[in-house]
Amino acid sequence: MTNRFRLSGLDAHHRLKLAESAVTFVECDPSGDSILIEEGDKGRALAALQATAVERSSLTAGVTDLVLQFKKDRSRGAAQLSPAQLQARAESRQRYIKARSINSQSDIDGARASLAALRAELAVALVQLSAASRAAFLLEEGLTEDGYRALFAEEWQGVLSHPKVRDARVGVGHIFIFTEMLRCRDSYGGGLHEIGEFLIVINLDGTGGGVRWFNKSHRRHGVAERMNAPRVYQDGTAVVDEIAETLCELIARGEFSTVADLAIQFIETPVADVAGTQVRQWPAAS
């Protein structure tokens, strides 16, 4: 897939500069705060904006975020433009309007579909990994049914004794953990925020990435609507997939107290990524 770059925080003046430099771009969110440019236009766009940039991975497949650092722009507030310059500026505005009118929805829909397909493939692989890991664990340890029950009882006490766990229950194929209020610090400002009281669901067969998080008190708009936490989507799945493999392997080995601890840490650990910075959307801790 061809890579595109997303630039955020640009005003009309910046967009006009891009249009004057023949950089084609499309709006990529309803608020008009972000635009997409093609990979081949990166150098020309930075030159037009008189900026440098750092590339950062994004949550959208095929899209890389460019974090801009602007140089001092001496062109703003310059002397009054000549008639020829005004005419050129008017023509540039028309090119800008035309560029803005390009329909980017198909590109955005394509990126979303690609991401959804990849996540679906990952979900299947994680279930298979969980089953294989459990079989390997039981074989390695030589556990009998009674031995596994004893291990479960020990881990269960570890779950209940966690200082952030208020209650826990066992269902068919699931462990349900109810937490106290979980808090997280802003990775930049340092302020402490109340994320919420959670129901953490451990899926014993590894479905849903092994663990899902559901906020019972504070859902907020972050990188998507009604987020359970800065890095947990509305459906309870994590924004990042890296933690899923570890959780599934621990679940397969019956290390439920460790799973509970990691799940709580995932909510309370500040992370300086696009999703993590949304912690400011949650209420400040009193």
C-alpha atoms as a PDB file:
ATOM      1  CA  MET A   1       0.000   0.000   0.000  1.00  0.00           C
ATOM      2  CA  THR A   2       1.266   3.478  -0.907  1.00  0.00           C
ATOM      3  CA  ASN A   3       2.227   5.420   2.175  1.00  0.00           C
ATOM      4  CA  ARG A   4       0.635   8.778   2.900  1.00  0.00           C
ATOM      5  CA  PHE A   5       1.563  11.397   5.440  1.00  0.00           C
ATOM      6  CA  ARG A   6      -0.860  13.105   7.816  1.00  0.00           C
ATOM      7  CA  LEU A   7      -0.176  16.704   8.875  1.00  0.00           C
ATOM      8  CA  SER A   8      -2.130  18.273  11.719  1.00  0.00           C
ATOM      9  CA  GLY A   9      -2.615  21.752  13.154  1.00  0.00           C
ATOM     10  CA  LEU A  10      -2.438  23.640   9.847  1.00  0.00           C
ATOM     11  CA  ASP A  11      -4.379  26.873   9.359  1.00  0.00           C
ATOM     12  CA  ALA A  12      -5.673  28.415   6.134  1.00  0.00           C
ATOM     13  CA  HIS A  13      -2.368  30.239   5.591  1.00  0.00           C
ATOM     14  CA  HIS A  14      -0.463  26.947   5.657  1.00  0.00           C
ATOM     15  CA  ARG A  15      -2.941  25.299   3.307  1.00  0.00           C
ATOM     16  CA  LEU A  16      -2.604  28.190   0.886  1.00  0.00           C
ATOM     17  CA  LYS A  17       1.174  27.786   0.876  1.00  0.00           C
ATOM     18  CA  LEU A  18       0.744  24.123   0.001  1.00  0.00           C
ATOM     19  CA  ALA A  19      -1.627  24.949  -2.835  1.00  0.00           C
ATOM     20  CA  GLU A  20       0.756  27.605  -4.190  1.00  0.00           C
ATOM     21  CA  SER A  21       3.502  24.979  -4.267  1.00  0.00           C
ATOM     22  CA  ALA A  22       1.265  22.537  -6.184  1.00  0.00           C
ATOM     23  CA  VAL A  23       1.071  20.124  -3.255  1.00  0.00           C
ATOM     24  CA  THR A  24      -2.148  18.144  -3.592  1.00  0.00           C
ATOM     25  CA  PHE A  25      -3.762  17.328  -0.281  1.00  0.00           C
ATOM     26  CA  VAL A  26      -7.085  16.123   1.067  1.00  0.00           C
ATOM     27  CA  GLU A  27      -8.866  16.725   4.350  1.00  0.00           C
ATOM     28  CA  CYS A  28      -8.940  13.577   6.482  1.00  0.00           C
ATOM     29  CA  ASP A  29     -11.204  14.459   9.412  1.00  0.00           C
ATOM     30  CA  PRO A  30     -14.493  16.331   9.811  1.00  0.00           C
ATOM     31  CA  SER A  31     -12.927  19.051  11.965  1.00  0.00           C
ATOM     32  CA  GLY A  32     -10.549  20.070   9.163  1.00  0.00           C
ATOM     33  CA  ASP A  33      -7.589  19.851  11.532  1.00  0.00           C
ATOM     34  CA  SER A  34      -5.663  17.214   9.550  1.00  0.00           C
ATOM     35  CA  ILE A  35      -4.734  16.671   5.916  1.00  0.00           C
ATOM     36  CA  LEU A  36      -3.211  13.809   3.912  1.00  0.00           C
ATOM     37  CA  ILE A  37      -0.438  14.212   1.345  1.00  0.00           C
ATOM     38  CA  GLU A  38       1.222  11.671  -0.912  1.00  0.00           C
ATOM     39  CA  GLU A  39       4.636  10.309  -0.002  1.00  0.00           C
ATOM     40  CA  GLY A  40       6.213  11.979  -3.035  1.00  0.00           C
ATOM     41  CA  ASP A  41       4.974  15.415  -1.929  1.00  0.00           C
ATOM     42  CA  LYS A  42       6.628  15.339   1.501  1.00  0.00           C
ATOM     43  CA  GLY A  43       9.757  17.321   0.540  1.00  0.00           C
ATOM     44  CA  ARG A  44       7.831  19.974  -1.385  1.00  0.00           C
ATOM     45  CA  ALA A  45       5.298  20.313   1.428  1.00  0.00           C
ATOM     46  CA  LEU A  46       7.976  20.846   4.089  1.00  0.00           C
ATOM     47  CA  ALA A  47       9.707  23.403   1.888  1.00  0.00           C
ATOM     48  CA  ALA A  48       6.436  25.263   1.339  1.00  0.00           C
ATOM     49  CA  LEU A  49       5.668  25.274   5.056  1.00  0.00           C
ATOM     50  CA  GLN A  50       9.264  26.144   5.990  1.00  0.00           C
ATOM     51  CA  ALA A  51       9.211  23.279   8.467  1.00  0.00           C
ATOM     52  CA  THR A  52      11.060  20.170   9.501  1.00  0.00           C
ATOM     53  CA  ALA A  53       9.257  17.020  10.550  1.00  0.00           C
ATOM     54  CA  VAL A  54       9.600  13.844  12.587  1.00  0.00           C
ATOM     55  CA  GLU A  55       7.799  10.737  11.357  1.00  0.00           C
ATOM     56  CA  ARG A  56       5.653   8.803  13.828  1.00  0.00           C
ATOM     57  CA  SER A  57       3.595   5.681  13.271  1.00  0.00           C
ATOM     58  CA  SER A  58      -0.177   6.127  13.356  1.00  0.00           C
ATOM     59  CA  LEU A  59      -3.171   3.916  14.093  1.00  0.00           C
ATOM     60  CA  THR A  60      -4.265   4.028  10.425  1.00  0.00           C
ATOM     61  CA  ALA A  61      -2.795   1.509   7.998  1.00  0.00           C
ATOM     62  CA  GLY A  62      -0.754   3.174   5.238  1.00  0.00           C
ATOM     63  CA  VAL A  63      -0.630   6.526   7.046  1.00  0.00           C
ATOM     64  CA  THR A  64       2.361   8.037   8.892  1.00  0.00           C
ATOM     65  CA  ASP A  65       2.012  11.115  11.094  1.00  0.00           C
ATOM     66  CA  LEU A  66       4.379  14.026  10.466  1.00  0.00           C
ATOM     67  CA  VAL A  67       5.065  16.081  13.585  1.00  0.00           C
ATOM     68  CA  LEU A  68       5.968  19.534  12.251  1.00  0.00           C
ATOM     69  CA  GLN A  69       8.446  22.038  13.627  1.00  0.00           C
ATOM     70  CA  PHE A  70       8.029  25.400  11.910  1.00  0.00           C
ATOM     71  CA  LYS A  71      10.882  27.724  11.125  1.00  0.00           C
ATOM     72  CA  LYS A  72      10.317  31.446  11.539  1.00  0.00           C
ATOM     73  CA  ASP A  73       8.151  32.677   8.664  1.00  0.00           C
ATOM     74  CA  ARG A  74       9.094  36.195   7.633  1.00  0.00           C
ATOM     75  CA  SER A  75       6.616  36.292   4.767  1.00  0.00           C
ATOM     76  CA  ARG A  76       3.615  36.983   6.978  1.00  0.00           C
ATOM     77  CA  GLY A  77       3.030  40.643   7.616  1.00  0.00           C
ATOM     78  CA  ALA A  78       5.152  41.616   4.590  1.00  0.00           C
ATOM     79  CA  ALA A  79       4.523  44.666   2.407  1.00  0.00           C
ATOM     80  CA  GLN A  80       1.263  44.946   0.472  1.00  0.00           C
ATOM     81  CA  LEU A  81       1.108  42.627  -2.558  1.00  0.00           C
ATOM     82  CA  SER A  82       1.199  43.959  -6.113  1.00  0.00           C
ATOM     83  CA  PRO A  83      -1.776  43.427  -8.466  1.00  0.00           C
ATOM     84  CA  ALA A  84       0.107  40.618 -10.211  1.00  0.00           C
ATOM     85  CA  GLN A  85       0.818  38.949  -6.893  1.00  0.00           C
ATOM     86  CA  LEU A  86      -2.808  39.347  -5.842  1.00  0.00           C
ATOM     87  CA  GLN A  87      -3.905  37.691  -9.094  1.00  0.00           C
ATOM     88  CA  ALA A  88      -1.475  34.827  -8.518  1.00  0.00           C
ATOM     89  CA  ARG A  89      -2.783  34.487  -4.977  1.00  0.00           C
ATOM     90  CA  ALA A  90      -6.381  34.334  -6.253  1.00  0.00           C
ATOM     91  CA  GLU A  91      -5.450  31.601  -8.736  1.00  0.00           C
ATOM     92  CA  SER A  92      -3.702  29.702  -5.964  1.00  0.00           C
ATOM     93  CA  ARG A  93      -6.830  29.910  -3.850  1.00  0.00           C
ATOM     94  CA  GLN A  94      -8.802  28.321  -6.676  1.00  0.00           C
ATOM     95  CA  ARG A  95      -6.266  25.492  -6.881  1.00  0.00           C
ATOM     96  CA  TYR A  96      -6.538  25.077  -3.118  1.00  0.00           C
ATOM     97  CA  ILE A  97     -10.340  24.855  -3.288  1.00  0.00           C
ATOM     98  CA  LYS A  98     -10.071  22.269  -6.065  1.00  0.00           C
ATOM     99  CA  ALA A  99      -7.504  20.249  -4.101  1.00  0.00           C
ATOM    100  CA  ARG A 100      -9.665  20.366  -0.995  1.00  0.00           C
ATOM    101  CA  SER A 101     -12.677  19.139  -2.916  1.00  0.00           C
ATOM    102  CA  ILE A 102     -10.934  15.870  -3.865  1.00  0.00           C
ATOM    103  CA  ASN A 103     -12.872  13.048  -2.314  1.00  0.00           C
ATOM    104  CA  SER A 104     -10.619  11.297   0.190  1.00  0.00           C
ATOM    105  CA  GLN A 105     -13.328   9.118   1.685  1.00  0.00           C
ATOM    106  CA  SER A 106     -12.421   6.129  -0.490  1.00  0.00           C
ATOM    107  CA  ASP A 107      -8.792   6.320   0.675  1.00  0.00           C
ATOM    108  CA  ILE A 108      -9.853   6.547   4.315  1.00  0.00           C
ATOM    109  CA  ASP A 109     -12.378   3.702   3.924  1.00  0.00           C
ATOM    110  CA  GLY A 110      -9.707   1.584   2.247  1.00  0.00           C
ATOM    111  CA  ALA A 111      -7.275   2.177   5.110  1.00  0.00           C
ATOM    112  CA  ARG A 112      -9.947   1.295   7.674  1.00  0.00           C
ATOM    113  CA  ALA A 113     -10.878  -1.881   5.799  1.00  0.00           C
ATOM    114  CA  SER A 114      -7.234  -2.921   5.601  1.00  0.00           C
ATOM    115  CA  LEU A 115      -6.759  -2.340   9.326  1.00  0.00           C
ATOM    116  CA  ALA A 116      -9.929  -4.288  10.156  1.00  0.00           C
ATOM    117  CA  ALA A 117      -8.773  -7.222   8.011  1.00  0.00           C
ATOM    118  CA  LEU A 118      -5.373  -7.285   9.701  1.00  0.00           C
ATOM    119  CA  ARG A 119      -6.952  -7.197  13.164  1.00  0.00           C
ATOM    120  CA  ALA A 120      -9.286 -10.064  12.207  1.00  0.00           C
ATOM    121  CA  GLU A 121      -6.324 -12.156  11.041  1.00  0.00           C
ATOM    122  CA  LEU A 122      -4.478 -11.357  14.255  1.00  0.00           C
ATOM    123  CA  ALA A 123      -7.488 -12.398  16.370  1.00  0.00           C
ATOM    124  CA  VAL A 124      -7.558 -15.843  14.727  1.00  0.00           C
ATOM    125  CA  ALA A 125      -3.796 -16.233  15.158  1.00  0.00           C
ATOM    126  CA  LEU A 126      -4.025 -15.325  18.864  1.00  0.00           C
ATOM    127  CA  VAL A 127      -6.684 -17.978  19.520  1.00  0.00           C
ATOM    128  CA  GLN A 128      -4.485 -20.548  17.786  1.00  0.00           C
ATOM    129  CA  LEU A 129      -1.468 -19.350  19.784  1.00  0.00           C
ATOM    130  CA  SER A 130      -3.407 -19.633  23.034  1.00  0.00           C
ATOM    131  CA  ALA A 131      -4.508 -23.204  22.304  1.00  0.00           C
ATOM    132  CA  ALA A 132      -0.989 -24.256  21.288  1.00  0.00           C
ATOM    133  CA  SER A 133       0.573 -22.567  24.319  1.00  0.00           C
ATOM    134  CA  ARG A 134      -1.846 -24.264  26.718  1.00  0.00           C
ATOM    135  CA  ALA A 135      -1.208 -27.690  25.199  1.00  0.00           C
ATOM    136  CA  ALA A 136       2.554 -27.145  25.400  1.00  0.00           C
ATOM    137  CA  PHE A 137       2.309 -25.923  29.005  1.00  0.00           C
ATOM    138  CA  LEU A 138       0.258 -28.905  30.204  1.00  0.00           C
ATOM    139  CA  LEU A 139       2.616 -31.272  28.421  1.00  0.00           C
ATOM    140  CA  GLU A 140       5.739 -29.623  29.831  1.00  0.00           C
ATOM    141  CA  GLU A 141       4.433 -29.432  33.391  1.00  0.00           C
ATOM    142  CA  GLY A 142       2.773 -32.837  33.330  1.00  0.00           C
ATOM    143  CA  LEU A 143      -0.173 -31.427  35.278  1.00  0.00           C
ATOM    144  CA  THR A 144      -3.064 -33.632  36.229  1.00  0.00           C
ATOM    145  CA  GLU A 145      -6.560 -32.218  36.536  1.00  0.00           C
ATOM    146  CA  ASP A 146      -6.077 -31.901  40.284  1.00  0.00           C
ATOM    147  CA  GLY A 147      -2.729 -30.194  39.762  1.00  0.00           C
ATOM    148  CA  TYR A 148      -4.282 -27.637  37.413  1.00  0.00           C
ATOM    149  CA  ARG A 149      -7.053 -26.956  39.927  1.00  0.00           C
ATOM    150  CA  ALA A 150      -4.458 -26.324  42.636  1.00  0.00           C
ATOM    151  CA  LEU A 151      -2.614 -23.931  40.317  1.00  0.00           C
ATOM    152  CA  PHE A 152      -5.860 -22.112  39.548  1.00  0.00           C
ATOM    153  CA  ALA A 153      -6.698 -21.775  43.251  1.00  0.00           C
ATOM    154  CA  GLU A 154      -3.290 -20.233  43.919  1.00  0.00           C
ATOM    155  CA  GLU A 155      -3.592 -17.803  41.034  1.00  0.00           C
ATOM    156  CA  TRP A 156      -7.146 -16.938  42.072  1.00  0.00           C
ATOM    157  CA  GLN A 157      -5.939 -15.836  45.485  1.00  0.00           C
ATOM    158  CA  GLY A 158      -3.326 -13.701  43.730  1.00  0.00           C
ATOM    159  CA  VAL A 159      -6.051 -11.993  41.702  1.00  0.00           C
ATOM    160  CA  LEU A 160      -8.214 -11.287  44.758  1.00  0.00           C
ATOM    161  CA  SER A 161      -5.282  -9.932  46.767  1.00  0.00           C
ATOM    162  CA  HIS A 162      -4.333  -7.313  44.159  1.00  0.00           C
ATOM    163  CA  PRO A 163      -4.762  -3.866  45.771  1.00  0.00           C
ATOM    164  CA  LYS A 164      -6.648  -2.506  42.746  1.00  0.00           C
ATOM    165  CA  VAL A 165      -9.084  -5.449  42.507  1.00  0.00           C
ATOM    166  CA  ARG A 166     -12.398  -4.957  44.311  1.00  0.00           C
ATOM    167  CA  ASP A 167     -13.976  -8.271  43.293  1.00  0.00           C
ATOM    168  CA  ALA A 168     -13.539 -11.156  40.841  1.00  0.00           C
ATOM    169  CA  ARG A 169     -15.775 -13.926  39.558  1.00  0.00           C
ATOM    170  CA  VAL A 170     -15.448 -16.976  37.339  1.00  0.00           C
ATOM    171  CA  GLY A 171     -17.811 -17.627  34.444  1.00  0.00           C
ATOM    172  CA  VAL A 172     -17.931 -20.209  31.667  1.00  0.00           C
ATOM    173  CA  GLY A 173     -14.759 -19.531  29.720  1.00  0.00           C
ATOM    174  CA  HIS A 174     -14.157 -16.163  31.371  1.00  0.00           C
ATOM    175  CA  ILE A 175     -12.780 -14.489  34.477  1.00  0.00           C
ATOM    176  CA  PHE A 176     -14.438 -11.201  35.417  1.00  0.00           C
ATOM    177  CA  ILE A 177     -12.380  -8.703  37.425  1.00  0.00           C
ATOM    178  CA  PHE A 178     -13.897  -5.560  38.951  1.00  0.00           C
ATOM    179  CA  THR A 179     -11.367  -2.852  39.783  1.00  0.00           C
ATOM    180  CA  GLU A 180     -11.161   0.150  42.033  1.00  0.00           C
ATOM    181  CA  MET A 181     -10.714   3.574  40.406  1.00  0.00           C
ATOM    182  CA  LEU A 182      -7.747   3.378  38.019  1.00  0.00           C
ATOM    183  CA  ARG A 183      -5.669   6.530  37.425  1.00  0.00           C
ATOM    184  CA  CYS A 184      -3.063   7.585  34.900  1.00  0.00           C
ATOM    185  CA  ARG A 185      -0.677  10.521  34.666  1.00  0.00           C
ATOM    186  CA  ASP A 186      -0.406  12.785  31.657  1.00  0.00           C
ATOM    187  CA  SER A 187       2.900  11.782  30.036  1.00  0.00           C
ATOM    188  CA  TYR A 188       3.588  15.439  29.182  1.00  0.00           C
ATOM    189  CA  GLY A 189       1.927  17.642  31.785  1.00  0.00           C
ATOM    190  CA  GLY A 190       2.245  15.203  34.665  1.00  0.00           C
ATOM    191  CA  GLY A 191      -1.305  15.720  35.944  1.00  0.00           C
ATOM    192  CA  LEU A 192      -3.115  12.697  37.380  1.00  0.00           C
ATOM    193  CA  HIS A 193      -6.423  11.693  35.744  1.00  0.00           C
ATOM    194  CA  GLU A 194      -9.178   9.339  36.857  1.00  0.00           C
ATOM    195  CA  ILE A 195      -9.702   6.860  34.020  1.00  0.00           C
ATOM    196  CA  GLY A 196     -12.472   4.890  35.699  1.00  0.00           C
ATOM    197  CA  GLU A 197     -13.583   1.753  37.515  1.00  0.00           C
ATOM    198  CA  PHE A 198     -13.225  -1.196  35.161  1.00  0.00           C
ATOM    199  CA  LEU A 199     -14.648  -4.589  34.397  1.00  0.00           C
ATOM    200  CA  ILE A 200     -11.696  -6.554  32.995  1.00  0.00           C
ATOM    201  CA  VAL A 201     -12.717  -9.715  31.148  1.00  0.00           C
ATOM    202  CA  ILE A 202     -10.119 -12.464  30.737  1.00  0.00           C
ATOM    203  CA  ASN A 203     -11.119 -14.800  27.901  1.00  0.00           C
ATOM    204  CA  LEU A 204      -9.673 -18.221  28.677  1.00  0.00           C
ATOM    205  CA  ASP A 205      -9.657 -19.291  25.017  1.00  0.00           C
ATOM    206  CA  GLY A 206      -7.675 -16.222  23.887  1.00  0.00           C
ATOM    207  CA  THR A 207     -10.499 -14.557  21.947  1.00  0.00           C
ATOM    208  CA  GLY A 208     -10.576 -10.763  21.799  1.00  0.00           C
ATOM    209  CA  GLY A 209      -6.834 -10.567  22.333  1.00  0.00           C
ATOM    210  CA  GLY A 210      -7.207 -12.497  25.600  1.00  0.00           C
ATOM    211  CA  VAL A 211      -8.355  -9.492  27.628  1.00  0.00           C
ATOM    212  CA  ARG A 212     -10.955  -6.783  27.217  1.00  0.00           C
ATOM    213  CA  TRP A 213     -11.399  -3.643  29.307  1.00  0.00           C
ATOM    214  CA  PHE A 214     -14.785  -1.995  29.967  1.00  0.00           C
ATOM    215  CA  ASN A 215     -14.987   1.339  31.774  1.00  0.00           C
ATOM    216  CA  LYS A 216     -17.975   1.421  34.111  1.00  0.00           C
ATOM    217  CA  SER A 217     -17.740   5.112  35.031  1.00  0.00           C
ATOM    218  CA  HIS A 218     -15.827   7.381  32.614  1.00  0.00           C
ATOM    219  CA  ARG A 219     -15.955   6.890  28.840  1.00  0.00           C
ATOM    220  CA  ARG A 220     -14.536   9.680  26.718  1.00  0.00           C
ATOM    221  CA  HIS A 221     -13.910  10.656  23.117  1.00  0.00           C
ATOM    222  CA  GLY A 222     -10.213  10.050  22.344  1.00  0.00           C
ATOM    223  CA  VAL A 223      -8.753   8.693  19.104  1.00  0.00           C
ATOM    224  CA  ALA A 224     -12.270   7.287  18.564  1.00  0.00           C
ATOM    225  CA  GLU A 225     -15.704   7.728  20.118  1.00  0.00           C
ATOM    226  CA  ARG A 226     -16.611   6.450  23.598  1.00  0.00           C
ATOM    227  CA  MET A 227     -13.162   5.116  24.414  1.00  0.00           C
ATOM    228  CA  ASN A 228     -12.925   2.986  27.559  1.00  0.00           C
ATOM    229  CA  ALA A 229      -9.435   4.381  28.209  1.00  0.00           C
ATOM    230  CA  PRO A 230      -6.880   6.390  26.223  1.00  0.00           C
ATOM    231  CA  ARG A 231      -5.657   3.148  24.630  1.00  0.00           C
ATOM    232  CA  VAL A 232      -8.826   1.011  24.760  1.00  0.00           C
ATOM    233  CA  TYR A 233     -11.516   1.180  22.079  1.00  0.00           C
ATOM    234  CA  GLN A 234     -15.274   1.201  22.683  1.00  0.00           C
ATOM    235  CA  ASP A 235     -15.458  -2.600  22.168  1.00  0.00           C
ATOM    236  CA  GLY A 236     -12.906  -3.195  24.932  1.00  0.00           C
ATOM    237  CA  THR A 237      -9.941  -4.078  22.692  1.00  0.00           C
ATOM    238  CA  ALA A 238      -6.555  -2.410  23.037  1.00  0.00           C
ATOM    239  CA  VAL A 239      -5.422   0.218  20.535  1.00  0.00           C
ATOM    240  CA  VAL A 240      -2.025  -1.496  20.347  1.00  0.00           C
ATOM    241  CA  ASP A 241      -1.734  -5.210  19.593  1.00  0.00           C
ATOM    242  CA  GLU A 242       1.717  -5.821  21.080  1.00  0.00           C
ATOM    243  CA  ILE A 243       0.333  -6.710  24.514  1.00  0.00           C
ATOM    244  CA  ALA A 244      -2.106  -9.329  23.179  1.00  0.00           C
ATOM    245  CA  GLU A 245       0.453 -12.062  22.467  1.00  0.00           C
ATOM    246  CA  THR A 246       1.940 -11.775  25.965  1.00  0.00           C
ATOM    247  CA  LEU A 247      -1.485 -11.873  27.610  1.00  0.00           C
ATOM    248  CA  CYS A 248      -2.598 -14.917  25.595  1.00  0.00           C
ATOM    249  CA  GLU A 249       0.536 -16.864  26.518  1.00  0.00           C
ATOM    250  CA  LEU A 250       0.105 -16.011  30.215  1.00  0.00           C
ATOM    251  CA  ILE A 251      -3.567 -17.027  30.100  1.00  0.00           C
ATOM    252  CA  ALA A 252      -2.608 -20.335  28.472  1.00  0.00           C
ATOM    253  CA  ARG A 253      -0.168 -20.995  31.323  1.00  0.00           C
ATOM    254  CA  GLY A 254      -2.799 -20.169  33.945  1.00  0.00           C
ATOM    255  CA  GLU A 255      -0.926 -17.119  35.260  1.00  0.00           C
ATOM    256  CA  PHE A 256      -4.104 -15.166  35.903  1.00  0.00           C
ATOM    257  CA  SER A 257      -2.748 -12.978  38.708  1.00  0.00           C
ATOM    258  CA  THR A 258      -0.018 -11.734  36.357  1.00  0.00           C
ATOM    259  CA  VAL A 259      -2.599 -11.143  33.625  1.00  0.00           C
ATOM    260  CA  ALA A 260      -4.716  -9.090  36.027  1.00  0.00           C
ATOM    261  CA  ASP A 261      -1.714  -7.034  37.098  1.00  0.00           C
ATOM    262  CA  LEU A 262      -0.615  -6.351  33.490  1.00  0.00           C
ATOM    263  CA  ALA A 263      -4.174  -5.434  32.486  1.00  0.00           C
ATOM    264  CA  ILE A 264      -4.344  -2.871  35.294  1.00  0.00           C
ATOM    265  CA  GLN A 265      -0.874  -1.533  34.492  1.00  0.00           C
ATOM    266  CA  PHE A 266      -1.941  -1.120  30.853  1.00  0.00           C
ATOM    267  CA  ILE A 267      -4.582   1.386  31.965  1.00  0.00           C
ATOM    268  CA  GLU A 268      -2.447   3.185  34.542  1.00  0.00           C
ATOM    269  CA  THR A 269       0.869   3.460  32.679  1.00  0.00           C
ATOM    270  CA  PRO A 270       1.353   6.803  30.856  1.00  0.00           C
ATOM    271  CA  VAL A 271       2.490   6.494  27.225  1.00  0.00           C
ATOM    272  CA  ALA A 272       3.561   9.382  24.992  1.00  0.00           C
ATOM    273  CA  ASP A 273       1.872   8.227  21.779  1.00  0.00           C
ATOM    274  CA  VAL A 274      -1.116   9.653  19.893  1.00  0.00           C
ATOM    275  CA  ALA A 275      -3.614   7.600  21.888  1.00  0.00           C
ATOM    276  CA  GLY A 276      -1.826   8.002  25.206  1.00  0.00           C
ATOM    277  CA  THR A 277      -1.928  11.790  25.084  1.00  0.00           C
ATOM    278  CA  GLN A 278      -5.740  11.630  25.083  1.00  0.00           C
ATOM    279  CA  VAL A 279      -5.591  11.008  28.842  1.00  0.00           C
ATOM    280  CA  ARG A 280      -6.426  14.706  29.181  1.00  0.00           C
ATOM    281  CA  GLN A 281      -9.968  13.940  28.061  1.00  0.00           C
ATOM    282  CA  TRP A 282     -10.550  12.134  31.373  1.00  0.00           C
ATOM    283  CA  PRO A 283     -11.316  14.058  34.585  1.00  0.00           C
ATOM    284  CA  ALA A 284      -8.456  15.280  36.760  1.00  0.00           C
ATOM    285  CA  ALA A 285      -8.005  13.310  39.953  1.00  0.00           C
ATOM    286  CA  SER A 286      -9.159  15.154  43.047  1.00  0.00           C
END
